[in-house]
């Protein structure tokens, strides 16, 4: 069923942290600047940056630059579906 166990493990690792889930939920409503993400999460910018790196490595989010701002976004609608599935399990 899973084509690549390593990729699946990376995704589940990324989902294993409450702050990373909060970031994903925040991005469901659209692109956000990192300057909006860390106050929403209630953590330092450096801590949020580490979480964003894990999410990017898992392929769940990506970013683009807009001048000096770094804008993060979900990579695909499947990420939203994945979050919905997790919510239904509980």
C-alpha atoms as a PDB file:
ATOM      1  CA  UNK A   1       0.000   0.000   0.000  1.00  0.00           C
ATOM      2  CA  UNK A   2       2.827   2.451   0.824  1.00  0.00           C
ATOM      3  CA  UNK A   3       5.220   2.865  -2.100  1.00  0.00           C
ATOM      4  CA  UNK A   4       8.053   4.378  -0.112  1.00  0.00           C
ATOM      5  CA  UNK A   5       8.246   3.609   3.594  1.00  0.00           C
ATOM      6  CA  UNK A   6      11.040   6.148   4.144  1.00  0.00           C
ATOM      7  CA  UNK A   7       8.873   8.997   2.807  1.00  0.00           C
ATOM      8  CA  UNK A   8       5.923   7.815   4.864  1.00  0.00           C
ATOM      9  CA  UNK A   9       8.067   7.679   8.001  1.00  0.00           C
ATOM     10  CA  UNK A  10       9.297  11.238   7.338  1.00  0.00           C
ATOM     11  CA  UNK A  11       5.713  12.475   7.003  1.00  0.00           C
ATOM     12  CA  UNK A  12       4.581  10.750  10.191  1.00  0.00           C
ATOM     13  CA  UNK A  13       7.635  12.092  12.020  1.00  0.00           C
ATOM     14  CA  UNK A  14       6.691  15.595  10.881  1.00  0.00           C
ATOM     15  CA  UNK A  15       3.134  15.066  12.133  1.00  0.00           C
ATOM     16  CA  UNK A  16       4.336  13.843  15.535  1.00  0.00           C
ATOM     17  CA  UNK A  17       4.765  17.321  17.021  1.00  0.00           C
ATOM     18  CA  UNK A  18       1.905  19.515  18.235  1.00  0.00           C
ATOM     19  CA  UNK A  19       3.558  22.725  17.034  1.00  0.00           C
ATOM     20  CA  UNK A  20       4.054  21.335  13.542  1.00  0.00           C
ATOM     21  CA  UNK A  21       0.397  20.329  13.433  1.00  0.00           C
ATOM     22  CA  UNK A  22      -0.525  23.865  14.493  1.00  0.00           C
ATOM     23  CA  UNK A  23       1.591  25.238  11.654  1.00  0.00           C
ATOM     24  CA  UNK A  24      -0.107  22.972   9.126  1.00  0.00           C
ATOM     25  CA  UNK A  25      -3.563  23.898  10.422  1.00  0.00           C
ATOM     26  CA  UNK A  26      -2.617  27.586  10.172  1.00  0.00           C
ATOM     27  CA  UNK A  27      -1.526  27.121   6.559  1.00  0.00           C
ATOM     28  CA  UNK A  28      -4.793  25.403   5.593  1.00  0.00           C
ATOM     29  CA  UNK A  29      -6.330  28.868   5.209  1.00  0.00           C
ATOM     30  CA  UNK A  30      -3.637  29.999   2.787  1.00  0.00           C
ATOM     31  CA  UNK A  31      -0.080  31.201   2.477  1.00  0.00           C
ATOM     32  CA  UNK A  32       1.505  32.831   5.522  1.00  0.00           C
ATOM     33  CA  UNK A  33       4.641  34.814   6.147  1.00  0.00           C
ATOM     34  CA  UNK A  34       6.958  33.331   8.764  1.00  0.00           C
ATOM     35  CA  UNK A  35       6.416  36.608  10.643  1.00  0.00           C
ATOM     36  CA  UNK A  36       2.749  35.554  11.057  1.00  0.00           C
ATOM     37  CA  UNK A  37       3.455  31.930  11.914  1.00  0.00           C
ATOM     38  CA  UNK A  38       5.644  32.231  14.996  1.00  0.00           C
ATOM     39  CA  UNK A  39       3.274  34.592  16.902  1.00  0.00           C
ATOM     40  CA  UNK A  40       0.350  32.295  16.051  1.00  0.00           C
ATOM     41  CA  UNK A  41       2.219  29.275  17.390  1.00  0.00           C
ATOM     42  CA  UNK A  42       3.392  31.164  20.464  1.00  0.00           C
ATOM     43  CA  UNK A  43       7.008  30.152  20.062  1.00  0.00           C
ATOM     44  CA  UNK A  44      10.265  31.831  19.107  1.00  0.00           C
ATOM     45  CA  UNK A  45      11.120  32.439  15.479  1.00  0.00           C
ATOM     46  CA  UNK A  46      14.133  30.121  15.694  1.00  0.00           C
ATOM     47  CA  UNK A  47      12.007  27.304  17.156  1.00  0.00           C
ATOM     48  CA  UNK A  48       9.351  27.751  14.471  1.00  0.00           C
ATOM     49  CA  UNK A  49      12.055  27.796  11.802  1.00  0.00           C
ATOM     50  CA  UNK A  50      13.204  24.350  12.966  1.00  0.00           C
ATOM     51  CA  UNK A  51       9.642  23.043  12.751  1.00  0.00           C
ATOM     52  CA  UNK A  52       9.231  24.549   9.276  1.00  0.00           C
ATOM     53  CA  UNK A  53      12.414  22.769   8.189  1.00  0.00           C
ATOM     54  CA  UNK A  54      11.045  19.398   9.331  1.00  0.00           C
ATOM     55  CA  UNK A  55       7.766  20.041   7.489  1.00  0.00           C
ATOM     56  CA  UNK A  56       9.653  21.051   4.318  1.00  0.00           C
ATOM     57  CA  UNK A  57      11.897  17.983   4.485  1.00  0.00           C
ATOM     58  CA  UNK A  58       8.771  15.829   4.689  1.00  0.00           C
ATOM     59  CA  UNK A  59       7.376  17.560   1.601  1.00  0.00           C
ATOM     60  CA  UNK A  60       4.304  18.896   3.399  1.00  0.00           C
ATOM     61  CA  UNK A  61       5.096  22.591   2.911  1.00  0.00           C
ATOM     62  CA  UNK A  62       7.283  24.791   0.769  1.00  0.00           C
ATOM     63  CA  UNK A  63       8.089  28.488   0.583  1.00  0.00           C
ATOM     64  CA  UNK A  64       8.621  31.347  -1.784  1.00  0.00           C
ATOM     65  CA  UNK A  65      10.289  34.683  -1.277  1.00  0.00           C
ATOM     66  CA  UNK A  66       8.361  37.908  -1.666  1.00  0.00           C
ATOM     67  CA  UNK A  67      10.943  40.647  -1.299  1.00  0.00           C
ATOM     68  CA  UNK A  68      12.402  40.147   2.160  1.00  0.00           C
ATOM     69  CA  UNK A  69       9.448  38.061   3.343  1.00  0.00           C
ATOM     70  CA  UNK A  70       9.416  34.271   3.280  1.00  0.00           C
ATOM     71  CA  UNK A  71       5.949  32.930   2.532  1.00  0.00           C
ATOM     72  CA  UNK A  72       5.075  29.328   3.449  1.00  0.00           C
ATOM     73  CA  UNK A  73       2.310  27.243   1.921  1.00  0.00           C
ATOM     74  CA  UNK A  74       0.999  23.676   1.839  1.00  0.00           C
ATOM     75  CA  UNK A  75       2.398  21.692  -1.071  1.00  0.00           C
ATOM     76  CA  UNK A  76      -0.859  20.001  -2.085  1.00  0.00           C
ATOM     77  CA  UNK A  77      -4.521  19.523  -1.160  1.00  0.00           C
ATOM     78  CA  UNK A  78      -3.606  16.031   0.029  1.00  0.00           C
ATOM     79  CA  UNK A  79      -1.995  17.602   3.096  1.00  0.00           C
ATOM     80  CA  UNK A  80      -5.414  18.991   4.058  1.00  0.00           C
ATOM     81  CA  UNK A  81      -6.974  15.563   3.496  1.00  0.00           C
ATOM     82  CA  UNK A  82      -4.261  13.975   5.639  1.00  0.00           C
ATOM     83  CA  UNK A  83      -5.062  16.356   8.491  1.00  0.00           C
ATOM     84  CA  UNK A  84      -8.772  15.546   8.138  1.00  0.00           C
ATOM     85  CA  UNK A  85      -7.997  11.829   8.289  1.00  0.00           C
ATOM     86  CA  UNK A  86      -5.970  12.286  11.461  1.00  0.00           C
ATOM     87  CA  UNK A  87      -8.824  14.254  12.990  1.00  0.00           C
ATOM     88  CA  UNK A  88     -11.328  11.494  12.153  1.00  0.00           C
ATOM     89  CA  UNK A  89      -9.146   8.826  13.810  1.00  0.00           C
ATOM     90  CA  UNK A  90      -9.384  10.547  17.172  1.00  0.00           C
END
